[in-house]
Each structure stands twice: as C-alpha cells, then as structure tokens.
PDB file of N, CA and C in Angstrom:
ATOM      1  N   MET A   1      89.234  44.050  43.158  1.00  0.00           N
ATOM      2  CA  MET A   1      87.810  43.468  43.287  1.00  0.00           C
ATOM      3  C   MET A   1      86.640  44.124  42.239  1.00  0.00           C
ATOM      4  N   PRO A   2      86.910  45.207  41.711  1.00  0.00           N
ATOM      5  CA  PRO A   2      86.278  45.854  40.678  1.00  0.00           C
ATOM      6  C   PRO A   2      86.485  44.943  39.257  1.00  0.00           C
ATOM      7  N   TYR A   3      87.686  44.485  39.319  1.00  0.00           N
ATOM      8  CA  TYR A   3      88.035  43.543  37.982  1.00  0.00           C
ATOM      9  C   TYR A   3      87.183  42.408  38.040  1.00  0.00           C
ATOM     10  N   LEU A   4      87.486  41.571  39.199  1.00  0.00           N
ATOM     11  CA  LEU A   4      86.467  40.585  39.469  1.00  0.00           C
ATOM     12  C   LEU A   4      85.100  40.564  39.246  1.00  0.00           C
ATOM     13  N   LEU A   5      84.303  41.872  39.844  1.00  0.00           N
ATOM     14  CA  LEU A   5      82.920  42.009  39.384  1.00  0.00           C
ATOM     15  C   LEU A   5      82.567  41.949  37.965  1.00  0.00           C
ATOM     16  N   PHE A   6      83.549  42.772  37.218  1.00  0.00           N
ATOM     17  CA  PHE A   6      83.879  42.908  35.758  1.00  0.00           C
ATOM     18  C   PHE A   6      83.523  41.721  35.207  1.00  0.00           C
ATOM     19  N   LYS A   7      84.580  40.785  35.599  1.00  0.00           N
ATOM     20  CA  LYS A   7      84.552  39.489  34.950  1.00  0.00           C
ATOM     21  C   LYS A   7      83.362  38.747  34.997  1.00  0.00           C
ATOM     22  N   TYR A   8      82.803  38.858  36.510  1.00  0.00           N
ATOM     23  CA  TYR A   8      81.479  38.109  36.563  1.00  0.00           C
ATOM     24  C   TYR A   8      80.254  38.984  35.835  1.00  0.00           C
ATOM     25  N   ALA A   9      80.304  39.803  35.549  1.00  0.00           N
ATOM     26  CA  ALA A   9      79.237  40.669  35.019  1.00  0.00           C
ATOM     27  C   ALA A   9      79.179  40.026  33.169  1.00  0.00           C
ATOM     28  N   ILE A  10      80.360  40.197  32.980  1.00  0.00           N
ATOM     29  CA  ILE A  10      80.600  39.840  31.537  1.00  0.00           C
ATOM     30  C   ILE A  10      80.173  38.417  31.093  1.00  0.00           C
ATOM     31  N   THR A  11      80.615  37.430  32.157  1.00  0.00           N
ATOM     32  CA  THR A  11      80.275  36.161  32.034  1.00  0.00           C
ATOM     33  C   THR A  11      78.841  35.732  32.449  1.00  0.00           C
ATOM     34  N   ALA A  12      78.426  36.308  33.322  1.00  0.00           N
ATOM     35  CA  ALA A  12      76.807  36.188  33.497  1.00  0.00           C
ATOM     36  C   ALA A  12      75.945  36.700  32.496  1.00  0.00           C
ATOM     37  N   GLY A  13      76.372  37.909  31.970  1.00  0.00           N
ATOM     38  CA  GLY A  13      75.684  38.445  30.641  1.00  0.00           C
ATOM     39  C   GLY A  13      75.638  37.598  29.620  1.00  0.00           C
ATOM     40  N   LEU A  14      76.662  36.746  29.699  1.00  0.00           N
ATOM     41  CA  LEU A  14      76.533  35.757  28.226  1.00  0.00           C
ATOM     42  C   LEU A  14      75.529  34.770  28.502  1.00  0.00           C
ATOM     43  N   VAL A  15      75.520  34.420  29.896  1.00  0.00           N
ATOM     44  CA  VAL A  15      74.422  33.379  30.167  1.00  0.00           C
ATOM     45  C   VAL A  15      73.096  33.720  29.913  1.00  0.00           C
ATOM     46  N   VAL A  16      72.852  34.921  30.367  1.00  0.00           N
ATOM     47  CA  VAL A  16      71.543  35.734  30.206  1.00  0.00           C
ATOM     48  C   VAL A  16      71.159  35.957  28.768  1.00  0.00           C
ATOM     49  N   LEU A  17      72.295  36.375  27.965  1.00  0.00           N
ATOM     50  CA  LEU A  17      72.092  36.591  26.605  1.00  0.00           C
ATOM     51  C   LEU A  17      71.392  35.335  25.978  1.00  0.00           C
ATOM     52  N   VAL A  18      72.345  34.225  26.223  1.00  0.00           N
ATOM     53  CA  VAL A  18      71.824  32.857  25.453  1.00  0.00           C
ATOM     54  C   VAL A  18      70.399  32.684  25.957  1.00  0.00           C
ATOM     55  N   SER A  19      70.143  32.853  27.114  1.00  0.00           N
ATOM     56  CA  SER A  19      68.739  32.203  27.661  1.00  0.00           C
ATOM     57  C   SER A  19      67.539  33.354  27.117  1.00  0.00           C
ATOM     58  N   GLU A  20      67.868  34.635  27.014  1.00  0.00           N
ATOM     59  CA  GLU A  20      66.923  35.631  26.352  1.00  0.00           C
ATOM     60  C   GLU A  20      66.782  35.338  24.641  1.00  0.00           C
ATOM     61  N   VAL A  21      67.788  34.946  24.068  1.00  0.00           N
ATOM     62  CA  VAL A  21      67.613  34.538  22.626  1.00  0.00           C
ATOM     63  C   VAL A  21      67.098  33.413  22.644  1.00  0.00           C
ATOM     64  N   ALA A  22      67.101  32.394  23.469  1.00  0.00           N
ATOM     65  CA  ALA A  22      66.513  31.056  23.399  1.00  0.00           C
ATOM     66  C   ALA A  22      64.971  31.291  23.419  1.00  0.00           C
ATOM     67  N   LYS A  23      64.573  32.296  24.387  1.00  0.00           N
ATOM     68  CA  LYS A  23      63.116  32.404  24.405  1.00  0.00           C
ATOM     69  C   LYS A  23      62.539  32.669  23.044  1.00  0.00           C
ATOM     70  N   ARG A  24      63.194  33.261  22.370  1.00  0.00           N
ATOM     71  CA  ARG A  24      62.553  33.954  20.927  1.00  0.00           C
ATOM     72  C   ARG A  24      62.711  33.086  19.936  1.00  0.00           C
ATOM     73  N   SER A  25      64.090  32.296  19.820  1.00  0.00           N
ATOM     74  CA  SER A  25      64.170  31.471  18.875  1.00  0.00           C
ATOM     75  C   SER A  25      65.126  30.094  19.273  1.00  0.00           C
ATOM     76  N   ASP A  26      64.376  29.043  19.145  1.00  0.00           N
ATOM     77  CA  ASP A  26      65.038  27.809  19.618  1.00  0.00           C
ATOM     78  C   ASP A  26      66.451  27.791  18.860  1.00  0.00           C
ATOM     79  N   ARG A  27      66.546  27.730  17.798  1.00  0.00           N
ATOM     80  CA  ARG A  27      67.758  27.477  16.687  1.00  0.00           C
ATOM     81  C   ARG A  27      68.735  28.553  17.153  1.00  0.00           C
ATOM     82  N   ALA A  28      68.448  29.983  17.252  1.00  0.00           N
ATOM     83  CA  ALA A  28      69.188  30.885  17.447  1.00  0.00           C
ATOM     84  C   ALA A  28      69.777  30.758  18.731  1.00  0.00           C
ATOM     85  N   GLY A  29      69.077  30.487  20.021  1.00  0.00           N
ATOM     86  CA  GLY A  29      69.614  30.269  21.076  1.00  0.00           C
ATOM     87  C   GLY A  29      70.524  29.034  21.203  1.00  0.00           C
ATOM     88  N   ALA A  30      70.068  27.825  20.627  1.00  0.00           N
ATOM     89  CA  ALA A  30      71.049  26.811  20.344  1.00  0.00           C
ATOM     90  C   ALA A  30      72.280  26.949  19.628  1.00  0.00           C
ATOM     91  N   LEU A  31      72.316  27.742  18.692  1.00  0.00           N
ATOM     92  CA  LEU A  31      73.462  27.940  18.160  1.00  0.00           C
ATOM     93  C   LEU A  31      74.606  28.919  18.961  1.00  0.00           C
ATOM     94  N   ILE A  32      74.124  29.926  19.555  1.00  0.00           N
ATOM     95  CA  ILE A  32      74.812  30.673  20.554  1.00  0.00           C
ATOM     96  C   ILE A  32      75.582  29.969  21.551  1.00  0.00           C
ATOM     97  N   ALA A  33      74.298  28.967  22.105  1.00  0.00           N
ATOM     98  CA  ALA A  33      74.795  28.143  23.562  1.00  0.00           C
ATOM     99  C   ALA A  33      75.848  26.972  22.961  1.00  0.00           C
ATOM    100  N   SER A  34      75.796  26.977  21.498  1.00  0.00           N
ATOM    101  CA  SER A  34      76.891  25.640  21.259  1.00  0.00           C
ATOM    102  C   SER A  34      78.221  26.416  20.747  1.00  0.00           C
ATOM    103  N   LEU A  35      78.225  27.538  20.680  1.00  0.00           N
ATOM    104  CA  LEU A  35      79.538  28.191  20.318  1.00  0.00           C
ATOM    105  C   LEU A  35      80.323  28.042  21.658  1.00  0.00           C
ATOM    106  N   PRO A  36      81.685  27.887  21.279  1.00  0.00           N
ATOM    107  CA  PRO A  36      82.593  27.684  22.618  1.00  0.00           C
ATOM    108  C   PRO A  36      82.713  29.089  23.450  1.00  0.00           C
ATOM    109  N   LEU A  37      81.861  29.999  23.770  1.00  0.00           N
ATOM    110  CA  LEU A  37      82.087  31.326  24.245  1.00  0.00           C
ATOM    111  C   LEU A  37      82.565  31.343  25.537  1.00  0.00           C
ATOM    112  N   VAL A  38      82.043  30.342  26.651  1.00  0.00           N
ATOM    113  CA  VAL A  38      82.682  30.323  27.925  1.00  0.00           C
ATOM    114  C   VAL A  38      83.945  29.954  27.539  1.00  0.00           C
ATOM    115  N   THR A  39      84.429  28.951  26.909  1.00  0.00           N
ATOM    116  CA  THR A  39      85.834  28.598  26.542  1.00  0.00           C
ATOM    117  C   THR A  39      86.666  29.818  26.111  1.00  0.00           C
ATOM    118  N   VAL A  40      86.156  30.387  25.337  1.00  0.00           N
ATOM    119  CA  VAL A  40      86.949  31.697  24.841  1.00  0.00           C
ATOM    120  C   VAL A  40      86.885  32.631  25.771  1.00  0.00           C
ATOM    121  N   LEU A  41      86.089  32.967  26.543  1.00  0.00           N
ATOM    122  CA  LEU A  41      86.162  33.899  27.576  1.00  0.00           C
ATOM    123  C   LEU A  41      87.054  33.587  28.601  1.00  0.00           C
ATOM    124  N   THR A  42      87.094  32.063  29.035  1.00  0.00           N
ATOM    125  CA  THR A  42      88.023  31.620  29.895  1.00  0.00           C
ATOM    126  C   THR A  42      89.542  31.741  29.567  1.00  0.00           C
ATOM    127  N   LEU A  43      89.779  31.543  28.299  1.00  0.00           N
ATOM    128  CA  LEU A  43      90.932  31.719  27.585  1.00  0.00           C
ATOM    129  C   LEU A  43      91.513  33.072  27.612  1.00  0.00           C
ATOM    130  N   ILE A  44      90.466  34.177  27.355  1.00  0.00           N
ATOM    131  CA  ILE A  44      90.757  35.591  27.466  1.00  0.00           C
ATOM    132  C   ILE A  44      91.161  35.924  28.845  1.00  0.00           C
ATOM    133  N   TRP A  45      90.497  35.438  29.738  1.00  0.00           N
ATOM    134  CA  TRP A  45      90.737  35.834  31.298  1.00  0.00           C
ATOM    135  C   TRP A  45      92.029  35.215  31.777  1.00  0.00           C
ATOM    136  N   LEU A  46      92.292  34.040  31.364  1.00  0.00           N
ATOM    137  CA  LEU A  46      93.549  33.517  31.709  1.00  0.00           C
ATOM    138  C   LEU A  46      94.800  34.228  31.146  1.00  0.00           C
ATOM    139  N   HIS A  47      94.580  34.695  29.798  1.00  0.00           N
ATOM    140  CA  HIS A  47      95.609  35.389  29.077  1.00  0.00           C
ATOM    141  C   HIS A  47      95.758  36.905  29.817  1.00  0.00           C
ATOM    142  N   VAL A  48      94.741  37.540  30.178  1.00  0.00           N
ATOM    143  CA  VAL A  48      94.727  38.907  30.815  1.00  0.00           C
ATOM    144  C   VAL A  48      95.168  38.660  31.946  1.00  0.00           C
ATOM    145  N   GLU A  49      94.879  37.560  32.652  1.00  0.00           N
ATOM    146  CA  GLU A  49      95.513  37.490  34.220  1.00  0.00           C
ATOM    147  C   GLU A  49      97.029  36.806  34.292  1.00  0.00           C
ATOM    148  N   ARG A  50      97.643  36.986  32.734  1.00  0.00           N
ATOM    149  CA  ARG A  50      99.051  36.649  32.684  1.00  0.00           C
ATOM    150  C   ARG A  50      99.452  35.007  33.108  1.00  0.00           C
ATOM    151  N   GLN A  51      98.534  34.083  32.883  1.00  0.00           N
ATOM    152  CA  GLN A  51      98.842  32.775  32.821  1.00  0.00           C
ATOM    153  C   GLN A  51      99.838  32.316  32.121  1.00  0.00           C
ATOM    154  N   PRO A  52     100.592  31.282  32.445  1.00  0.00           N
ATOM    155  CA  PRO A  52     101.502  30.723  31.551  1.00  0.00           C
ATOM    156  C   PRO A  52     100.886  30.297  30.374  1.00  0.00           C
ATOM    157  N   LEU A  53     101.502  30.209  29.158  1.00  0.00           N
ATOM    158  CA  LEU A  53     101.128  29.602  28.067  1.00  0.00           C
ATOM    159  C   LEU A  53     100.711  28.180  28.048  1.00  0.00           C
ATOM    160  N   SER A  54     101.499  27.599  28.953  1.00  0.00           N
ATOM    161  CA  SER A  54     101.070  26.172  28.866  1.00  0.00           C
ATOM    162  C   SER A  54      99.765  25.865  29.674  1.00  0.00           C
ATOM    163  N   LYS A  55      99.454  26.863  30.783  1.00  0.00           N
ATOM    164  CA  LYS A  55      98.225  26.642  31.276  1.00  0.00           C
ATOM    165  C   LYS A  55      96.851  26.960  30.366  1.00  0.00           C
ATOM    166  N   ILE A  56      97.163  28.055  29.540  1.00  0.00           N
ATOM    167  CA  ILE A  56      95.952  28.371  28.525  1.00  0.00           C
ATOM    168  C   ILE A  56      95.926  26.977  27.675  1.00  0.00           C
ATOM    169  N   SER A  57      97.000  26.788  27.112  1.00  0.00           N
ATOM    170  CA  SER A  57      96.951  25.523  26.141  1.00  0.00           C
ATOM    171  C   SER A  57      96.329  24.072  26.500  1.00  0.00           C
ATOM    172  N   ASN A  58      96.849  23.893  27.831  1.00  0.00           N
ATOM    173  CA  ASN A  58      96.214  22.742  28.444  1.00  0.00           C
ATOM    174  C   ASN A  58      94.759  22.947  28.536  1.00  0.00           C
ATOM    175  N   HIS A  59      94.331  24.342  29.042  1.00  0.00           N
ATOM    176  CA  HIS A  59      92.765  24.348  29.232  1.00  0.00           C
ATOM    177  C   HIS A  59      92.078  24.080  28.058  1.00  0.00           C
ATOM    178  N   ALA A  60      92.591  24.611  26.772  1.00  0.00           N
ATOM    179  CA  ALA A  60      92.001  24.285  25.542  1.00  0.00           C
ATOM    180  C   ALA A  60      91.945  22.884  25.110  1.00  0.00           C
ATOM    181  N   ALA A  61      93.022  22.322  25.369  1.00  0.00           N
ATOM    182  CA  ALA A  61      93.232  20.862  24.933  1.00  0.00           C
ATOM    183  C   ALA A  61      92.161  19.898  25.980  1.00  0.00           C
ATOM    184  N   TYR A  62      92.168  20.130  27.163  1.00  0.00           N
ATOM    185  CA  TYR A  62      91.339  19.422  27.893  1.00  0.00           C
ATOM    186  C   TYR A  62      89.955  19.617  27.670  1.00  0.00           C
ATOM    187  N   THR A  63      89.425  20.916  27.273  1.00  0.00           N
ATOM    188  CA  THR A  63      88.193  21.379  27.106  1.00  0.00           C
ATOM    189  C   THR A  63      87.618  20.346  25.987  1.00  0.00           C
ATOM    190  N   PHE A  64      88.539  20.212  24.908  1.00  0.00           N
ATOM    191  CA  PHE A  64      88.116  19.346  23.778  1.00  0.00           C
ATOM    192  C   PHE A  64      87.864  17.942  24.272  1.00  0.00           C
ATOM    193  N   TRP A  65      88.689  17.373  25.175  1.00  0.00           N
ATOM    194  CA  TRP A  65      88.364  16.103  25.675  1.00  0.00           C
ATOM    195  C   TRP A  65      87.170  15.942  26.386  1.00  0.00           C
ATOM    196  N   TYR A  66      86.897  16.965  27.255  1.00  0.00           N
ATOM    197  CA  TYR A  66      85.632  16.832  28.087  1.00  0.00           C
ATOM    198  C   TYR A  66      84.422  17.140  27.271  1.00  0.00           C
ATOM    199  N   VAL A  67      84.440  17.678  26.310  1.00  0.00           N
ATOM    200  CA  VAL A  67      83.282  18.086  25.534  1.00  0.00           C
ATOM    201  C   VAL A  67      82.535  16.496  24.828  1.00  0.00           C
ATOM    202  N   LEU A  68      83.535  15.829  24.610  1.00  0.00           N
ATOM    203  CA  LEU A  68      83.232  14.684  23.935  1.00  0.00           C
ATOM    204  C   LEU A  68      82.155  13.523  24.667  1.00  0.00           C
ATOM    205  N   PRO A  69      82.518  13.387  25.990  1.00  0.00           N
ATOM    206  CA  PRO A  69      81.385  12.455  26.553  1.00  0.00           C
ATOM    207  C   PRO A  69      80.051  13.367  27.096  1.00  0.00           C
ATOM    208  N   THR A  70      80.114  14.677  26.922  1.00  0.00           N
ATOM    209  CA  THR A  70      78.938  15.375  27.033  1.00  0.00           C
ATOM    210  C   THR A  70      77.740  15.464  25.872  1.00  0.00           C
ATOM    211  N   LEU A  71      78.224  15.063  24.742  1.00  0.00           N
ATOM    212  CA  LEU A  71      77.542  15.265  23.358  1.00  0.00           C
ATOM    213  C   LEU A  71      76.208  14.309  23.624  1.00  0.00           C
ATOM    214  N   PRO A  72      76.380  13.154  23.920  1.00  0.00           N
ATOM    215  CA  PRO A  72      74.998  12.208  23.882  1.00  0.00           C
ATOM    216  C   PRO A  72      73.947  12.972  24.876  1.00  0.00           C
ATOM    217  N   MET A  73      74.169  13.694  25.905  1.00  0.00           N
ATOM    218  CA  MET A  73      73.145  14.290  26.770  1.00  0.00           C
ATOM    219  C   MET A  73      72.390  14.945  25.793  1.00  0.00           C
ATOM    220  N   PHE A  74      72.592  15.823  24.702  1.00  0.00           N
ATOM    221  CA  PHE A  74      71.989  16.703  23.950  1.00  0.00           C
ATOM    222  C   PHE A  74      71.135  15.733  23.016  1.00  0.00           C
ATOM    223  N   LEU A  75      71.218  14.752  22.848  1.00  0.00           N
ATOM    224  CA  LEU A  75      70.138  13.561  22.236  1.00  0.00           C
ATOM    225  C   LEU A  75      69.305  13.021  23.234  1.00  0.00           C
ATOM    226  N   VAL A  76      69.825  12.552  24.346  1.00  0.00           N
ATOM    227  CA  VAL A  76      69.157  11.679  25.373  1.00  0.00           C
ATOM    228  C   VAL A  76      68.370  12.531  26.236  1.00  0.00           C
ATOM    229  N   PHE A  77      68.738  13.910  26.540  1.00  0.00           N
ATOM    230  CA  PHE A  77      67.822  14.779  27.227  1.00  0.00           C
ATOM    231  C   PHE A  77      66.294  15.064  26.482  1.00  0.00           C
ATOM    232  N   PRO A  78      66.317  15.435  25.293  1.00  0.00           N
ATOM    233  CA  PRO A  78      65.036  15.711  24.443  1.00  0.00           C
ATOM    234  C   PRO A  78      64.478  14.390  24.404  1.00  0.00           C
ATOM    235  N   ALA A  79      64.842  13.400  24.079  1.00  0.00           N
ATOM    236  CA  ALA A  79      64.193  12.068  24.158  1.00  0.00           C
ATOM    237  C   ALA A  79      63.394  11.745  25.482  1.00  0.00           C
ATOM    238  N   LEU A  80      63.952  12.111  26.569  1.00  0.00           N
ATOM    239  CA  LEU A  80      63.362  11.657  27.911  1.00  0.00           C
ATOM    240  C   LEU A  80      62.424  12.675  28.425  1.00  0.00           C
ATOM    241  N   LEU A  81      62.617  14.053  27.791  1.00  0.00           N
ATOM    242  CA  LEU A  81      61.784  15.156  28.284  1.00  0.00           C
ATOM    243  C   LEU A  81      60.355  14.951  28.111  1.00  0.00           C
ATOM    244  N   ALA A  82      59.795  14.718  27.030  1.00  0.00           N
ATOM    245  CA  ALA A  82      58.597  14.433  26.789  1.00  0.00           C
ATOM    246  C   ALA A  82      57.844  13.403  27.556  1.00  0.00           C
ATOM    247  N   ARG A  83      58.571  12.238  27.920  1.00  0.00           N
ATOM    248  CA  ARG A  83      57.965  10.985  28.457  1.00  0.00           C
ATOM    249  C   ARG A  83      58.045  11.082  30.144  1.00  0.00           C
ATOM    250  N   HIS A  84      59.230  12.072  30.580  1.00  0.00           N
ATOM    251  CA  HIS A  84      59.391  11.988  32.053  1.00  0.00           C
ATOM    252  C   HIS A  84      59.215  13.501  32.678  1.00  0.00           C
ATOM    253  N   GLY A  85      59.353  14.304  31.883  1.00  0.00           N
ATOM    254  CA  GLY A  85      59.261  15.733  32.548  1.00  0.00           C
ATOM    255  C   GLY A  85      60.707  16.161  32.512  1.00  0.00           C
ATOM    256  N   PHE A  86      60.673  17.644  32.932  1.00  0.00           N
ATOM    257  CA  PHE A  86      61.889  18.395  33.161  1.00  0.00           C
ATOM    258  C   PHE A  86      62.983  17.847  33.832  1.00  0.00           C
ATOM    259  N   TRP A  87      62.726  17.802  35.241  1.00  0.00           N
ATOM    260  CA  TRP A  87      63.732  17.231  36.178  1.00  0.00           C
ATOM    261  C   TRP A  87      64.128  15.986  36.327  1.00  0.00           C
ATOM    262  N   PRO A  88      63.286  14.946  35.910  1.00  0.00           N
ATOM    263  CA  PRO A  88      63.622  13.596  35.779  1.00  0.00           C
ATOM    264  C   PRO A  88      64.682  13.482  34.643  1.00  0.00           C
ATOM    265  N   ALA A  89      64.258  14.066  33.451  1.00  0.00           N
ATOM    266  CA  ALA A  89      65.173  13.872  32.150  1.00  0.00           C
ATOM    267  C   ALA A  89      66.365  14.625  32.379  1.00  0.00           C
ATOM    268  N   LEU A  90      66.459  15.629  33.094  1.00  0.00           N
ATOM    269  CA  LEU A  90      67.761  16.327  33.383  1.00  0.00           C
ATOM    270  C   LEU A  90      68.508  15.782  34.297  1.00  0.00           C
ATOM    271  N   ALA A  91      67.925  14.959  35.229  1.00  0.00           N
ATOM    272  CA  ALA A  91      68.950  14.316  36.180  1.00  0.00           C
ATOM    273  C   ALA A  91      69.480  12.954  35.578  1.00  0.00           C
ATOM    274  N   ALA A  92      68.468  12.253  34.874  1.00  0.00           N
ATOM    275  CA  ALA A  92      69.071  11.198  34.143  1.00  0.00           C
ATOM    276  C   ALA A  92      70.065  11.571  33.136  1.00  0.00           C
ATOM    277  N   SER A  93      69.811  12.455  32.378  1.00  0.00           N
ATOM    278  CA  SER A  93      70.925  13.019  31.302  1.00  0.00           C
ATOM    279  C   SER A  93      72.103  13.336  31.988  1.00  0.00           C
ATOM    280  N   LEU A  94      72.206  13.910  33.405  1.00  0.00           N
ATOM    281  CA  LEU A  94      73.347  14.339  33.954  1.00  0.00           C
ATOM    282  C   LEU A  94      74.109  13.157  34.537  1.00  0.00           C
ATOM    283  N   ALA A  95      73.367  12.183  35.033  1.00  0.00           N
ATOM    284  CA  ALA A  95      73.819  10.900  35.500  1.00  0.00           C
ATOM    285  C   ALA A  95      74.739  10.319  34.629  1.00  0.00           C
ATOM    286  N   MET A  96      73.856  10.120  33.388  1.00  0.00           N
ATOM    287  CA  MET A  96      74.446   9.672  32.260  1.00  0.00           C
ATOM    288  C   MET A  96      75.826  10.232  31.777  1.00  0.00           C
ATOM    289  N   THR A  97      75.859  11.389  31.714  1.00  0.00           N
ATOM    290  CA  THR A  97      77.059  12.220  31.349  1.00  0.00           C
ATOM    291  C   THR A  97      78.076  11.804  32.308  1.00  0.00           C
ATOM    292  N   MET A  98      77.990  11.821  33.691  1.00  0.00           N
ATOM    293  CA  MET A  98      78.930  11.498  34.677  1.00  0.00           C
ATOM    294  C   MET A  98      79.507  10.041  34.419  1.00  0.00           C
ATOM    295  N   ALA A  99      78.409   9.372  34.171  1.00  0.00           N
ATOM    296  CA  ALA A  99      79.127   7.826  33.936  1.00  0.00           C
ATOM    297  C   ALA A  99      79.821   7.881  32.601  1.00  0.00           C
ATOM    298  N   LEU A 100      79.598   8.610  31.790  1.00  0.00           N
ATOM    299  CA  LEU A 100      80.399   8.673  30.529  1.00  0.00           C
ATOM    300  C   LEU A 100      81.578   9.336  30.499  1.00  0.00           C
ATOM    301  N   PHE A 101      81.830  10.423  31.471  1.00  0.00           N
ATOM    302  CA  PHE A 101      82.934  11.086  31.924  1.00  0.00           C
ATOM    303  C   PHE A 101      83.976  10.061  32.304  1.00  0.00           C
ATOM    304  N   LEU A 102      83.323   9.185  33.294  1.00  0.00           N
ATOM    305  CA  LEU A 102      84.177   8.179  33.986  1.00  0.00           C
ATOM    306  C   LEU A 102      84.723   7.225  33.030  1.00  0.00           C
ATOM    307  N   VAL A 103      83.909   6.684  32.440  1.00  0.00           N
ATOM    308  CA  VAL A 103      84.048   5.652  31.343  1.00  0.00           C
ATOM    309  C   VAL A 103      85.183   6.209  30.376  1.00  0.00           C
ATOM    310  N   PHE A 104      84.935   7.141  29.883  1.00  0.00           N
ATOM    311  CA  PHE A 104      85.756   7.851  28.673  1.00  0.00           C
ATOM    312  C   PHE A 104      87.194   8.304  29.291  1.00  0.00           C
ATOM    313  N   GLY A 105      86.986   8.603  30.733  1.00  0.00           N
ATOM    314  CA  GLY A 105      88.467   8.968  31.392  1.00  0.00           C
ATOM    315  C   GLY A 105      88.929   7.688  31.550  1.00  0.00           C
ATOM    316  N   LEU A 106      88.641   6.689  31.746  1.00  0.00           N
ATOM    317  CA  LEU A 106      89.238   5.331  31.752  1.00  0.00           C
ATOM    318  C   LEU A 106      89.834   4.955  30.633  1.00  0.00           C
ATOM    319  N   ILE A 107      89.093   4.926  29.488  1.00  0.00           N
ATOM    320  CA  ILE A 107      89.674   4.610  28.159  1.00  0.00           C
ATOM    321  C   ILE A 107      90.602   5.400  27.693  1.00  0.00           C
ATOM    322  N   MET A 108      90.337   6.738  27.943  1.00  0.00           N
ATOM    323  CA  MET A 108      91.621   7.638  27.417  1.00  0.00           C
ATOM    324  C   MET A 108      92.896   7.497  28.223  1.00  0.00           C
ATOM    325  N   ARG A 109      92.653   7.061  29.693  1.00  0.00           N
ATOM    326  CA  ARG A 109      94.082   6.675  30.379  1.00  0.00           C
ATOM    327  C   ARG A 109      94.868   5.520  29.449  1.00  0.00           C
ATOM    328  N   ARG A 110      94.132   4.565  28.795  1.00  0.00           N
ATOM    329  CA  ARG A 110      94.916   3.739  28.122  1.00  0.00           C
ATOM    330  C   ARG A 110      95.613   4.247  26.866  1.00  0.00           C
ATOM    331  N   PHE A 111      95.579   5.425  26.523  1.00  0.00           N
ATOM    332  CA  PHE A 111      96.283   6.200  25.568  1.00  0.00           C
ATOM    333  C   PHE A 111      97.020   7.135  26.057  1.00  0.00           C
ATOM    334  N   GLY A 112      97.281   7.117  27.334  1.00  0.00           N
ATOM    335  CA  GLY A 112      98.294   7.941  27.700  1.00  0.00           C
ATOM    336  C   GLY A 112      97.716   9.376  28.305  1.00  0.00           C
ATOM    337  N   ILE A 113      96.439   9.566  28.132  1.00  0.00           N
ATOM    338  CA  ILE A 113      95.443  11.190  28.166  1.00  0.00           C
ATOM    339  C   ILE A 113      95.056  10.628  29.625  1.00  0.00           C
ATOM    340  N   SER A 114      95.533  11.787  30.673  1.00  0.00           N
ATOM    341  CA  SER A 114      94.914  11.525  32.214  1.00  0.00           C
ATOM    342  C   SER A 114      94.073  12.555  32.278  1.00  0.00           C
ATOM    343  N   LEU A 115      92.661  12.330  32.204  1.00  0.00           N
ATOM    344  CA  LEU A 115      91.465  13.037  32.262  1.00  0.00           C
ATOM    345  C   LEU A 115      90.727  13.333  33.629  1.00  0.00           C
ATOM    346  N   LEU A 116      91.095  12.127  34.601  1.00  0.00           N
ATOM    347  CA  LEU A 116      90.341  11.915  35.633  1.00  0.00           C
ATOM    348  C   LEU A 116      91.370  12.192  36.852  1.00  0.00           C
TER     349      LEU A 116
END
C-alpha cells in the first residue's frame, strides 16, 4: 500500500506541476505538458513492477498510435474556445477526438494494426 500511495503522489505531483507552471507561463506549461512524462512514468512503473518487456514495448507502441488522433484537438479547442466558451469547446473537442479515434482505428485495422 505505501508503494501505491508513492506512485499516486508522484503521478499527481506531475499534473500539479504542469498546472502551476502553466499559470505562470503559457509556453513553459505547454512545453512540459507536451512532453511524454506520463508515458515515461508509466514505462518506469511497469518496469519497476517487473512487467514483461513485451508489455512495456506494446505500451510504448500503442501510445504512439493513440497520440495521432488526439493532435487535432489541440488546434480545434483554441479555435472554439473564444466563440463558445470553455465547456462547450472542451466537449466538442473531446467528441471530435473520440470520433477520430474510431475512424483512425478502423483505418489502421486495414493495415493490420488493431487499436480498437
């Protein structure tokens, strides 16, 4: 149980760090948020917990594929934000991202990559 609390504290601390830096500097906050810190932490946790190398490798590979359909959200959200407000812009961006995940998953299936 102490290990699990440590793991939660480190991971949550990362999110708090990003939000605190973003309050002070848009660019620095975005730079830190864009780094694959959560993925790197996940890879570390998987390794420390002695997961098979195949699981760690698959996690990294799937992360690559899952990032691609999320990228348009970072352009659509700011465009909608000024016109529609925070919650509608966020909801629309998330809905679009979910739709892109589905479409992307169907396209990738044709190339033998199963994401869904």
